[in-house]
Amino acid sequence: MPTQTSSRDRFDDAPRNRGRVGAHRAEKPGGRGIVVVMWVLIAIVVFLAAGTVGFLALFQNSSLLGAADAGAAIAVVGGVQPPGIVG
Protein backbone atom coordinates (compact mmCIF):
# COMPACT_ATOMS: atom_id res chain seq x y z
CA MET A 1 0.00 0.00 0.00
CA PRO A 2 1.45 3.43 -0.95
CA THR A 3 2.38 5.74 1.84
CA GLN A 4 1.01 9.26 2.06
CA THR A 5 3.74 11.75 1.12
CA SER A 6 1.67 14.97 0.87
CA SER A 7 0.21 16.89 3.75
CA ARG A 8 -3.44 16.45 4.63
CA ASP A 9 -5.96 19.06 3.47
CA ARG A 10 -9.74 19.60 3.79
CA PHE A 11 -10.54 17.16 0.98
CA ASP A 12 -9.01 14.27 2.93
CA ASP A 13 -11.63 14.72 5.63
CA ALA A 14 -14.70 14.76 3.32
CA PRO A 15 -17.30 12.17 4.26
CA ARG A 16 -17.29 9.18 1.93
CA ASN A 17 -20.95 8.22 2.32
CA ARG A 18 -22.52 11.37 0.83
CA GLY A 19 -23.61 9.56 -2.32
CA ARG A 20 -23.23 10.75 -5.86
CA VAL A 21 -23.08 14.51 -6.35
CA GLY A 22 -23.04 16.68 -9.47
CA ALA A 23 -24.80 16.69 -12.82
CA HIS A 24 -22.61 14.05 -14.43
CA ARG A 25 -22.73 11.72 -11.46
CA ALA A 26 -26.46 11.74 -10.93
CA GLU A 27 -28.27 8.48 -11.47
CA LYS A 28 -30.34 8.19 -14.61
CA PRO A 29 -34.05 8.47 -13.96
CA GLY A 30 -35.83 5.15 -14.28
CA GLY A 31 -38.51 4.42 -16.84
CA ARG A 32 -37.11 6.42 -19.75
CA GLY A 33 -37.36 3.44 -22.10
CA ILE A 34 -41.02 2.88 -21.24
CA VAL A 35 -41.86 6.50 -22.05
CA VAL A 36 -40.22 6.25 -25.48
CA VAL A 37 -42.01 2.98 -26.26
CA MET A 38 -45.36 4.45 -25.22
CA TRP A 39 -44.89 7.51 -27.47
CA VAL A 40 -44.00 5.26 -30.40
CA LEU A 41 -47.09 3.10 -29.84
CA ILE A 42 -49.33 6.17 -29.58
CA ALA A 43 -47.89 7.57 -32.82
CA ILE A 44 -48.46 4.25 -34.62
CA VAL A 45 -52.09 4.09 -33.47
CA VAL A 46 -52.71 7.70 -34.54
CA PHE A 47 -51.18 7.15 -37.99
CA LEU A 48 -53.10 3.91 -38.52
CA ALA A 49 -56.37 5.55 -37.51
CA ALA A 50 -55.74 8.54 -39.78
CA GLY A 51 -54.83 6.26 -42.68
CA THR A 52 -57.93 4.14 -42.19
CA VAL A 53 -60.23 7.15 -42.02
CA GLY A 54 -58.52 8.70 -45.04
CA PHE A 55 -58.75 5.48 -47.04
CA LEU A 56 -62.44 5.05 -46.26
CA ALA A 57 -63.18 8.70 -47.07
CA LEU A 58 -61.39 8.55 -50.43
CA PHE A 59 -62.67 5.19 -51.61
CA GLN A 60 -66.14 5.12 -50.10
CA ASN A 61 -67.98 5.09 -53.47
CA SER A 62 -65.21 3.59 -55.55
CA SER A 63 -65.19 0.32 -57.47
CA LEU A 64 -61.62 -0.29 -56.30
CA LEU A 65 -62.93 -2.06 -53.22
CA GLY A 66 -64.84 -4.60 -55.31
CA ALA A 67 -68.27 -2.96 -55.05
CA ALA A 68 -69.81 -2.67 -58.50
CA ASP A 69 -71.53 0.60 -59.28
CA ALA A 70 -75.20 -0.03 -60.08
CA GLY A 71 -75.27 2.69 -62.73
CA ALA A 72 -72.12 1.63 -64.52
CA ALA A 73 -72.38 1.51 -68.29
CA ILE A 74 -71.23 -1.47 -70.31
CA ALA A 75 -68.93 -0.56 -73.14
CA VAL A 76 -70.16 -1.72 -76.49
CA VAL A 77 -67.37 -1.70 -79.05
CA GLY A 78 -68.37 -1.84 -82.71
CA GLY A 79 -71.98 -2.73 -81.88
CA VAL A 80 -70.96 -6.05 -80.27
CA GLN A 81 -71.63 -6.71 -76.61
CA PRO A 82 -69.12 -8.68 -74.54
CA PRO A 83 -70.00 -12.38 -74.16
CA GLY A 84 -72.12 -13.24 -71.13
CA ILE A 85 -73.87 -9.85 -71.02
CA VAL A 86 -77.61 -10.06 -71.52
CA GLY A 87 -79.21 -6.81 -72.45
PDB file of N, CA and C in Angstrom:
ATOM      1  N   MET A   1       0.848  -1.163   0.000  1.00  0.00           N
ATOM      2  CA  MET A   1       0.000   0.000   0.000  1.00  0.00           C
ATOM      3  C   MET A   1       0.898   1.233   0.000  1.00  0.00           C
ATOM      4  N   PRO A   2       0.593   2.238  -0.884  1.00  0.00           N
ATOM      5  CA  PRO A   2       1.445   3.428  -0.951  1.00  0.00           C
ATOM      6  C   PRO A   2       1.316   4.260   0.321  1.00  0.00           C
ATOM      7  N   THR A   3       2.384   4.870   0.653  1.00  0.00           N
ATOM      8  CA  THR A   3       2.379   5.736   1.841  1.00  0.00           C
ATOM      9  C   THR A   3       2.023   7.150   1.421  1.00  0.00           C
ATOM     10  N   GLN A   4       1.437   7.891   2.344  1.00  0.00           N
ATOM     11  CA  GLN A   4       1.012   9.264   2.064  1.00  0.00           C
ATOM     12  C   GLN A   4       2.219  10.188   2.204  1.00  0.00           C
ATOM     13  N   THR A   5       2.568  10.882   1.087  1.00  0.00           N
ATOM     14  CA  THR A   5       3.739  11.751   1.120  1.00  0.00           C
ATOM     15  C   THR A   5       3.345  13.218   1.198  1.00  0.00           C
ATOM     16  N   SER A   6       2.074  13.561   0.817  1.00  0.00           N
ATOM     17  CA  SER A   6       1.674  14.967   0.869  1.00  0.00           C
ATOM     18  C   SER A   6       0.970  15.254   2.190  1.00  0.00           C
ATOM     19  N   SER A   7       0.875  16.524   2.494  1.00  0.00           N
ATOM     20  CA  SER A   7       0.209  16.892   3.751  1.00  0.00           C
ATOM     21  C   SER A   7      -1.304  16.774   3.578  1.00  0.00           C
ATOM     22  N   ARG A   8      -1.984  16.592   4.676  1.00  0.00           N
ATOM     23  CA  ARG A   8      -3.439  16.451   4.629  1.00  0.00           C
ATOM     24  C   ARG A   8      -4.077  17.812   4.425  1.00  0.00           C
ATOM     25  N   ASP A   9      -5.202  17.830   3.661  1.00  0.00           N
ATOM     26  CA  ASP A   9      -5.957  19.057   3.470  1.00  0.00           C
ATOM     27  C   ASP A   9      -7.434  18.784   3.760  1.00  0.00           C
ATOM     28  N   ARG A  10      -8.326  19.746   3.441  1.00  0.00           N
ATOM     29  CA  ARG A  10      -9.742  19.604   3.786  1.00  0.00           C
ATOM     30  C   ARG A  10     -10.452  18.532   2.964  1.00  0.00           C
ATOM     31  N   PHE A  11      -9.917  18.184   1.808  1.00  0.00           N
ATOM     32  CA  PHE A  11     -10.542  17.162   0.984  1.00  0.00           C
ATOM     33  C   PHE A  11     -10.299  15.750   1.514  1.00  0.00           C
ATOM     34  N   ASP A  12      -9.271  15.584   2.335  1.00  0.00           N
ATOM     35  CA  ASP A  12      -9.010  14.275   2.927  1.00  0.00           C
ATOM     36  C   ASP A  12     -10.035  13.939   3.994  1.00  0.00           C
ATOM     37  N   ASP A  13     -10.678  14.945   4.559  1.00  0.00           N
ATOM     38  CA  ASP A  13     -11.634  14.723   5.632  1.00  0.00           C
ATOM     39  C   ASP A  13     -13.090  14.741   5.147  1.00  0.00           C
ATOM     40  N   ALA A  14     -13.325  14.742   3.843  1.00  0.00           N
ATOM     41  CA  ALA A  14     -14.698  14.758   3.315  1.00  0.00           C
ATOM     42  C   ALA A  14     -15.365  13.412   3.609  1.00  0.00           C
ATOM     43  N   PRO A  15     -16.620  13.442   3.984  1.00  0.00           N
ATOM     44  CA  PRO A  15     -17.303  12.172   4.262  1.00  0.00           C
ATOM     45  C   PRO A  15     -17.455  11.340   2.987  1.00  0.00           C
ATOM     46  N   ARG A  16     -17.256  10.051   3.087  1.00  0.00           N
ATOM     47  CA  ARG A  16     -17.286   9.181   1.929  1.00  0.00           C
ATOM     48  C   ARG A  16     -18.686   8.638   1.627  1.00  0.00           C
ATOM     49  N   ASN A  17     -19.622   8.801   2.508  1.00  0.00           N
ATOM     50  CA  ASN A  17     -20.946   8.224   2.317  1.00  0.00           C
ATOM     51  C   ASN A  17     -21.988   9.269   1.904  1.00  0.00           C
ATOM     52  N   ARG A  18     -21.592  10.329   1.246  1.00  0.00           N
ATOM     53  CA  ARG A  18     -22.525  11.369   0.829  1.00  0.00           C
ATOM     54  C   ARG A  18     -23.299  10.985  -0.417  1.00  0.00           C
ATOM     55  N   GLY A  19     -22.924   9.966  -1.100  1.00  0.00           N
ATOM     56  CA  GLY A  19     -23.613   9.565  -2.320  1.00  0.00           C
ATOM     57  C   GLY A  19     -23.044  10.300  -3.522  1.00  0.00           C
ATOM     58  N   ARG A  20     -23.695  10.136  -4.613  1.00  0.00           N
ATOM     59  CA  ARG A  20     -23.231  10.746  -5.857  1.00  0.00           C
ATOM     60  C   ARG A  20     -23.694  12.190  -5.898  1.00  0.00           C
ATOM     61  N   VAL A  21     -22.800  13.077  -6.321  1.00  0.00           N
ATOM     62  CA  VAL A  21     -23.079  14.505  -6.348  1.00  0.00           C
ATOM     63  C   VAL A  21     -22.655  15.060  -7.695  1.00  0.00           C
ATOM     64  N   GLY A  22     -23.415  16.027  -8.216  1.00  0.00           N
ATOM     65  CA  GLY A  22     -23.045  16.676  -9.469  1.00  0.00           C
ATOM     66  C   GLY A  22     -23.900  16.189 -10.624  1.00  0.00           C
ATOM     67  N   ALA A  23     -23.939  16.992 -11.680  1.00  0.00           N
ATOM     68  CA  ALA A  23     -24.803  16.691 -12.823  1.00  0.00           C
ATOM     69  C   ALA A  23     -24.370  15.421 -13.548  1.00  0.00           C
ATOM     70  N   HIS A  24     -23.089  15.190 -13.672  1.00  0.00           N
ATOM     71  CA  HIS A  24     -22.610  14.046 -14.428  1.00  0.00           C
ATOM     72  C   HIS A  24     -22.558  12.780 -13.596  1.00  0.00           C
ATOM     73  N   ARG A  25     -22.767  12.894 -12.317  1.00  0.00           N
ATOM     74  CA  ARG A  25     -22.728  11.723 -11.461  1.00  0.00           C
ATOM     75  C   ARG A  25     -24.110  11.309 -10.988  1.00  0.00           C
ATOM     76  N   ALA A  26     -25.107  12.067 -11.363  1.00  0.00           N
ATOM     77  CA  ALA A  26     -26.458  11.738 -10.927  1.00  0.00           C
ATOM     78  C   ALA A  26     -26.924  10.459 -11.610  1.00  0.00           C
ATOM     79  N   GLU A  27     -27.737   9.705 -10.905  1.00  0.00           N
ATOM     80  CA  GLU A  27     -28.267   8.482 -11.472  1.00  0.00           C
ATOM     81  C   GLU A  27     -29.295   8.814 -12.540  1.00  0.00           C
ATOM     82  N   LYS A  28     -29.363   7.988 -13.553  1.00  0.00           N
ATOM     83  CA  LYS A  28     -30.341   8.194 -14.614  1.00  0.00           C
ATOM     84  C   LYS A  28     -31.731   7.907 -14.053  1.00  0.00           C
ATOM     85  N   PRO A  29     -32.685   8.742 -14.437  1.00  0.00           N
ATOM     86  CA  PRO A  29     -34.045   8.471 -13.962  1.00  0.00           C
ATOM     87  C   PRO A  29     -34.583   7.184 -14.580  1.00  0.00           C
ATOM     88  N   GLY A  30     -35.298   6.417 -13.794  1.00  0.00           N
ATOM     89  CA  GLY A  30     -35.826   5.151 -14.278  1.00  0.00           C
ATOM     90  C   GLY A  30     -37.051   5.343 -15.158  1.00  0.00           C
ATOM     91  N   GLY A  31     -37.314   4.389 -16.017  1.00  0.00           N
ATOM     92  CA  GLY A  31     -38.507   4.420 -16.836  1.00  0.00           C
ATOM     93  C   GLY A  31     -38.404   5.218 -18.109  1.00  0.00           C
ATOM     94  N   ARG A  32     -37.228   5.628 -18.518  1.00  0.00           N
ATOM     95  CA  ARG A  32     -37.110   6.416 -19.752  1.00  0.00           C
ATOM     96  C   ARG A  32     -37.437   5.567 -20.978  1.00  0.00           C
ATOM     97  N   GLY A  33     -37.083   4.313 -20.961  1.00  0.00           N
ATOM     98  CA  GLY A  33     -37.358   3.442 -22.097  1.00  0.00           C
ATOM     99  C   GLY A  33     -38.847   3.203 -22.288  1.00  0.00           C
ATOM    100  N   ILE A  34     -39.570   3.095 -21.182  1.00  0.00           N
ATOM    101  CA  ILE A  34     -41.018   2.878 -21.239  1.00  0.00           C
ATOM    102  C   ILE A  34     -41.700   4.093 -21.844  1.00  0.00           C
ATOM    103  N   VAL A  35     -41.250   5.278 -21.511  1.00  0.00           N
ATOM    104  CA  VAL A  35     -41.858   6.505 -22.049  1.00  0.00           C
ATOM    105  C   VAL A  35     -41.665   6.565 -23.560  1.00  0.00           C
ATOM    106  N   VAL A  36     -40.495   6.227 -24.037  1.00  0.00           N
ATOM    107  CA  VAL A  36     -40.221   6.253 -25.476  1.00  0.00           C
ATOM    108  C   VAL A  36     -41.086   5.218 -26.198  1.00  0.00           C
ATOM    109  N   VAL A  37     -41.188   4.030 -25.644  1.00  0.00           N
ATOM    110  CA  VAL A  37     -42.006   2.981 -26.260  1.00  0.00           C
ATOM    111  C   VAL A  37     -43.469   3.395 -26.308  1.00  0.00           C
ATOM    112  N   MET A  38     -43.966   4.011 -25.250  1.00  0.00           N
ATOM    113  CA  MET A  38     -45.363   4.448 -25.225  1.00  0.00           C
ATOM    114  C   MET A  38     -45.624   5.522 -26.277  1.00  0.00           C
ATOM    115  N   TRP A  39     -44.712   6.479 -26.445  1.00  0.00           N
ATOM    116  CA  TRP A  39     -44.890   7.514 -27.474  1.00  0.00           C
ATOM    117  C   TRP A  39     -44.883   6.902 -28.867  1.00  0.00           C
ATOM    118  N   VAL A  40     -44.039   5.920 -29.098  1.00  0.00           N
ATOM    119  CA  VAL A  40     -43.998   5.262 -30.404  1.00  0.00           C
ATOM    120  C   VAL A  40     -45.308   4.527 -30.672  1.00  0.00           C
ATOM    121  N   LEU A  41     -45.821   3.813 -29.673  1.00  0.00           N
ATOM    122  CA  LEU A  41     -47.087   3.099 -29.843  1.00  0.00           C
ATOM    123  C   LEU A  41     -48.248   4.059 -30.082  1.00  0.00           C
ATOM    124  N   ILE A  42     -48.273   5.173 -29.379  1.00  0.00           N
ATOM    125  CA  ILE A  42     -49.328   6.174 -29.582  1.00  0.00           C
ATOM    126  C   ILE A  42     -49.247   6.739 -30.995  1.00  0.00           C
ATOM    127  N   ALA A  43     -48.042   7.028 -31.466  1.00  0.00           N
ATOM    128  CA  ALA A  43     -47.887   7.565 -32.819  1.00  0.00           C
ATOM    129  C   ALA A  43     -48.338   6.550 -33.867  1.00  0.00           C
ATOM    130  N   ILE A  44     -48.034   5.280 -33.671  1.00  0.00           N
ATOM    131  CA  ILE A  44     -48.455   4.250 -34.623  1.00  0.00           C
ATOM    132  C   ILE A  44     -49.976   4.162 -34.670  1.00  0.00           C
ATOM    133  N   VAL A  45     -50.626   4.175 -33.513  1.00  0.00           N
ATOM    134  CA  VAL A  45     -52.089   4.094 -33.472  1.00  0.00           C
ATOM    135  C   VAL A  45     -52.712   5.305 -34.158  1.00  0.00           C
ATOM    136  N   VAL A  46     -52.162   6.488 -33.921  1.00  0.00           N
ATOM    137  CA  VAL A  46     -52.706   7.703 -34.542  1.00  0.00           C
ATOM    138  C   VAL A  46     -52.556   7.645 -36.060  1.00  0.00           C
ATOM    139  N   PHE A  47     -51.387   7.227 -36.550  1.00  0.00           N
ATOM    140  CA  PHE A  47     -51.178   7.151 -37.992  1.00  0.00           C
ATOM    141  C   PHE A  47     -52.058   6.072 -38.638  1.00  0.00           C
ATOM    142  N   LEU A  48     -52.229   4.945 -37.975  1.00  0.00           N
ATOM    143  CA  LEU A  48     -53.101   3.909 -38.520  1.00  0.00           C
ATOM    144  C   LEU A  48     -54.557   4.378 -38.566  1.00  0.00           C
ATOM    145  N   ALA A  49     -54.999   5.042 -37.528  1.00  0.00           N
ATOM    146  CA  ALA A  49     -56.374   5.552 -37.511  1.00  0.00           C
ATOM    147  C   ALA A  49     -56.574   6.605 -38.598  1.00  0.00           C
ATOM    148  N   ALA A  50     -55.625   7.507 -38.745  1.00  0.00           N
ATOM    149  CA  ALA A  50     -55.735   8.543 -39.778  1.00  0.00           C
ATOM    150  C   ALA A  50     -55.707   7.919 -41.169  1.00  0.00           C
ATOM    151  N   GLY A  51     -54.882   6.939 -41.386  1.00  0.00           N
ATOM    152  CA  GLY A  51     -54.826   6.262 -42.677  1.00  0.00           C
ATOM    153  C   GLY A  51     -56.107   5.510 -42.986  1.00  0.00           C
ATOM    154  N   THR A  52     -56.679   4.859 -41.985  1.00  0.00           N
ATOM    155  CA  THR A  52     -57.930   4.135 -42.189  1.00  0.00           C
ATOM    156  C   THR A  52     -59.068   5.088 -42.516  1.00  0.00           C
ATOM    157  N   VAL A  53     -59.184   6.160 -41.762  1.00  0.00           N
ATOM    158  CA  VAL A  53     -60.234   7.148 -42.023  1.00  0.00           C
ATOM    159  C   VAL A  53     -60.032   7.785 -43.393  1.00  0.00           C
ATOM    160  N   GLY A  54     -58.800   8.119 -43.737  1.00  0.00           N
ATOM    161  CA  GLY A  54     -58.518   8.700 -45.043  1.00  0.00           C
ATOM    162  C   GLY A  54     -58.832   7.744 -46.179  1.00  0.00           C
ATOM    163  N   PHE A  55     -58.476   6.480 -46.011  1.00  0.00           N
ATOM    164  CA  PHE A  55     -58.755   5.483 -47.039  1.00  0.00           C
ATOM    165  C   PHE A  55     -60.257   5.326 -47.242  1.00  0.00           C
ATOM    166  N   LEU A  56     -60.992   5.217 -46.144  1.00  0.00           N
ATOM    167  CA  LEU A  56     -62.439   5.054 -46.259  1.00  0.00           C
ATOM    168  C   LEU A  56     -63.104   6.293 -46.841  1.00  0.00           C
ATOM    169  N   ALA A  57     -62.591   7.470 -46.533  1.00  0.00           N
ATOM    170  CA  ALA A  57     -63.176   8.698 -47.074  1.00  0.00           C
ATOM    171  C   ALA A  57     -62.902   8.823 -48.573  1.00  0.00           C
ATOM    172  N   LEU A  58     -61.733   8.429 -49.018  1.00  0.00           N
ATOM    173  CA  LEU A  58     -61.389   8.548 -50.430  1.00  0.00           C
ATOM    174  C   LEU A  58     -62.069   7.499 -51.299  1.00  0.00           C
ATOM    175  N   PHE A  59     -62.184   6.286 -50.798  1.00  0.00           N
ATOM    176  CA  PHE A  59     -62.670   5.186 -51.608  1.00  0.00           C
ATOM    177  C   PHE A  59     -64.039   4.683 -51.174  1.00  0.00           C
ATOM    178  N   GLN A  60     -64.836   5.540 -50.594  1.00  0.00           N
ATOM    179  CA  GLN A  60     -66.140   5.119 -50.100  1.00  0.00           C
ATOM    180  C   GLN A  60     -67.058   4.681 -51.242  1.00  0.00           C
ATOM    181  N   ASN A  61     -67.106   5.414 -52.335  1.00  0.00           N
ATOM    182  CA  ASN A  61     -67.976   5.094 -53.467  1.00  0.00           C
ATOM    183  C   ASN A  61     -67.168   4.645 -54.679  1.00  0.00           C
ATOM    184  N   SER A  62     -66.089   3.984 -54.456  1.00  0.00           N
ATOM    185  CA  SER A  62     -65.212   3.591 -55.554  1.00  0.00           C
ATOM    186  C   SER A  62     -65.372   2.108 -55.851  1.00  0.00           C
ATOM    187  N   SER A  63     -65.135   1.736 -57.097  1.00  0.00           N
ATOM    188  CA  SER A  63     -65.195   0.324 -57.466  1.00  0.00           C
ATOM    189  C   SER A  63     -63.865  -0.377 -57.187  1.00  0.00           C
ATOM    190  N   LEU A  64     -62.910   0.329 -56.614  1.00  0.00           N
ATOM    191  CA  LEU A  64     -61.620  -0.290 -56.299  1.00  0.00           C
ATOM    192  C   LEU A  64     -61.741  -1.298 -55.174  1.00  0.00           C
ATOM    193  N   LEU A  65     -62.758  -1.142 -54.341  1.00  0.00           N
ATOM    194  CA  LEU A  65     -62.928  -2.058 -53.220  1.00  0.00           C
ATOM    195  C   LEU A  65     -63.735  -3.295 -53.604  1.00  0.00           C
ATOM    196  N   GLY A  66     -64.112  -3.426 -54.866  1.00  0.00           N
ATOM    197  CA  GLY A  66     -64.835  -4.599 -55.307  1.00  0.00           C
ATOM    198  C   GLY A  66     -66.336  -4.384 -55.371  1.00  0.00           C
ATOM    199  N   ALA A  67     -66.846  -3.239 -54.986  1.00  0.00           N
ATOM    200  CA  ALA A  67     -68.273  -2.960 -55.050  1.00  0.00           C
ATOM    201  C   ALA A  67     -68.586  -2.414 -56.434  1.00  0.00           C
ATOM    202  N   ALA A  68     -69.458  -3.111 -57.159  1.00  0.00           N
ATOM    203  CA  ALA A  68     -69.810  -2.671 -58.504  1.00  0.00           C
ATOM    204  C   ALA A  68     -70.820  -1.532 -58.411  1.00  0.00           C
ATOM    205  N   ASP A  69     -70.614  -0.540 -59.221  1.00  0.00           N
ATOM    206  CA  ASP A  69     -71.525   0.599 -59.278  1.00  0.00           C
ATOM    207  C   ASP A  69     -72.781   0.181 -60.033  1.00  0.00           C
ATOM    208  N   ALA A  70     -73.949   0.416 -59.473  1.00  0.00           N
ATOM    209  CA  ALA A  70     -75.203  -0.035 -60.080  1.00  0.00           C
ATOM    210  C   ALA A  70     -75.478   0.699 -61.388  1.00  0.00           C
ATOM    211  N   GLY A  71     -75.007   1.916 -61.526  1.00  0.00           N
ATOM    212  CA  GLY A  71     -75.273   2.687 -62.729  1.00  0.00           C
ATOM    213  C   GLY A  71     -74.145   2.651 -63.738  1.00  0.00           C
ATOM    214  N   ALA A  72     -73.260   1.687 -63.608  1.00  0.00           N
ATOM    215  CA  ALA A  72     -72.119   1.629 -64.518  1.00  0.00           C
ATOM    216  C   ALA A  72     -72.580   1.207 -65.909  1.00  0.00           C
ATOM    217  N   ALA A  73     -72.021   1.822 -66.898  1.00  0.00           N
ATOM    218  CA  ALA A  73     -72.381   1.507 -68.288  1.00  0.00           C
ATOM    219  C   ALA A  73     -71.479   0.416 -68.820  1.00  0.00           C
ATOM    220  N   ILE A  74     -72.016  -0.420 -69.680  1.00  0.00           N
ATOM    221  CA  ILE A  74     -71.232  -1.471 -70.309  1.00  0.00           C
ATOM    222  C   ILE A  74     -70.758  -0.948 -71.656  1.00  0.00           C
ATOM    223  N   ALA A  75     -69.491  -1.054 -71.883  1.00  0.00           N
ATOM    224  CA  ALA A  75     -68.930  -0.558 -73.142  1.00  0.00           C
ATOM    225  C   ALA A  75     -69.286  -1.500 -74.277  1.00  0.00           C
ATOM    226  N   VAL A  76     -69.833  -0.950 -75.305  1.00  0.00           N
ATOM    227  CA  VAL A  76     -70.155  -1.718 -76.495  1.00  0.00           C
ATOM    228  C   VAL A  76     -69.241  -1.216 -77.597  1.00  0.00           C
ATOM    229  N   VAL A  77     -68.353  -2.077 -78.054  1.00  0.00           N
ATOM    230  CA  VAL A  77     -67.372  -1.705 -79.054  1.00  0.00           C
ATOM    231  C   VAL A  77     -67.818  -2.260 -80.406  1.00  0.00           C
ATOM    232  N   GLY A  78     -68.014  -1.403 -81.367  1.00  0.00           N
ATOM    233  CA  GLY A  78     -68.374  -1.838 -82.714  1.00  0.00           C
ATOM    234  C   GLY A  78     -69.735  -2.496 -82.794  1.00  0.00           C
ATOM    235  N   GLY A  79     -70.641  -2.155 -81.850  1.00  0.00           N
ATOM    236  CA  GLY A  79     -71.977  -2.730 -81.880  1.00  0.00           C
ATOM    237  C   GLY A  79     -72.057  -4.142 -81.368  1.00  0.00           C
ATOM    238  N   VAL A  80     -70.967  -4.687 -80.779  1.00  0.00           N
ATOM    239  CA  VAL A  80     -70.957  -6.052 -80.268  1.00  0.00           C
ATOM    240  C   VAL A  80     -70.795  -6.002 -78.756  1.00  0.00           C
ATOM    241  N   GLN A  81     -71.727  -6.635 -78.064  1.00  0.00           N
ATOM    242  CA  GLN A  81     -71.629  -6.712 -76.610  1.00  0.00           C
ATOM    243  C   GLN A  81     -70.647  -7.797 -76.202  1.00  0.00           C
ATOM    244  N   PRO A  82     -70.014  -7.626 -75.046  1.00  0.00           N
ATOM    245  CA  PRO A  82     -69.116  -8.679 -74.545  1.00  0.00           C
ATOM    246  C   PRO A  82     -69.911  -9.957 -74.270  1.00  0.00           C
ATOM    247  N   PRO A  83     -69.282 -11.119 -74.404  1.00  0.00           N
ATOM    248  CA  PRO A  83     -70.003 -12.378 -74.156  1.00  0.00           C
ATOM    249  C   PRO A  83     -70.444 -12.476 -72.694  1.00  0.00           C
ATOM    250  N   GLY A  84     -71.586 -13.059 -72.473  1.00  0.00           N
ATOM    251  CA  GLY A  84     -72.121 -13.242 -71.131  1.00  0.00           C
ATOM    252  C   GLY A  84     -72.960 -12.092 -70.651  1.00  0.00           C
ATOM    253  N   ILE A  85     -73.087 -11.006 -71.412  1.00  0.00           N
ATOM    254  CA  ILE A  85     -73.872  -9.853 -71.018  1.00  0.00           C
ATOM    255  C   ILE A  85     -75.223  -9.952 -71.727  1.00  0.00           C
ATOM    256  N   VAL A  86     -76.276 -10.000 -70.946  1.00  0.00           N
ATOM    257  CA  VAL A  86     -77.610 -10.056 -71.519  1.00  0.00           C
ATOM    258  C   VAL A  86     -78.190  -8.656 -71.449  1.00  0.00           C
ATOM    259  N   GLY A  87     -78.679  -8.155 -72.513  1.00  0.00           N
ATOM    260  CA  GLY A  87     -79.206  -6.812 -72.450  1.00  0.00           C
ATOM    261  C   GLY A  87     -79.860  -6.450 -73.637  1.00  0.00           C
TER     262      GLY A  87
END
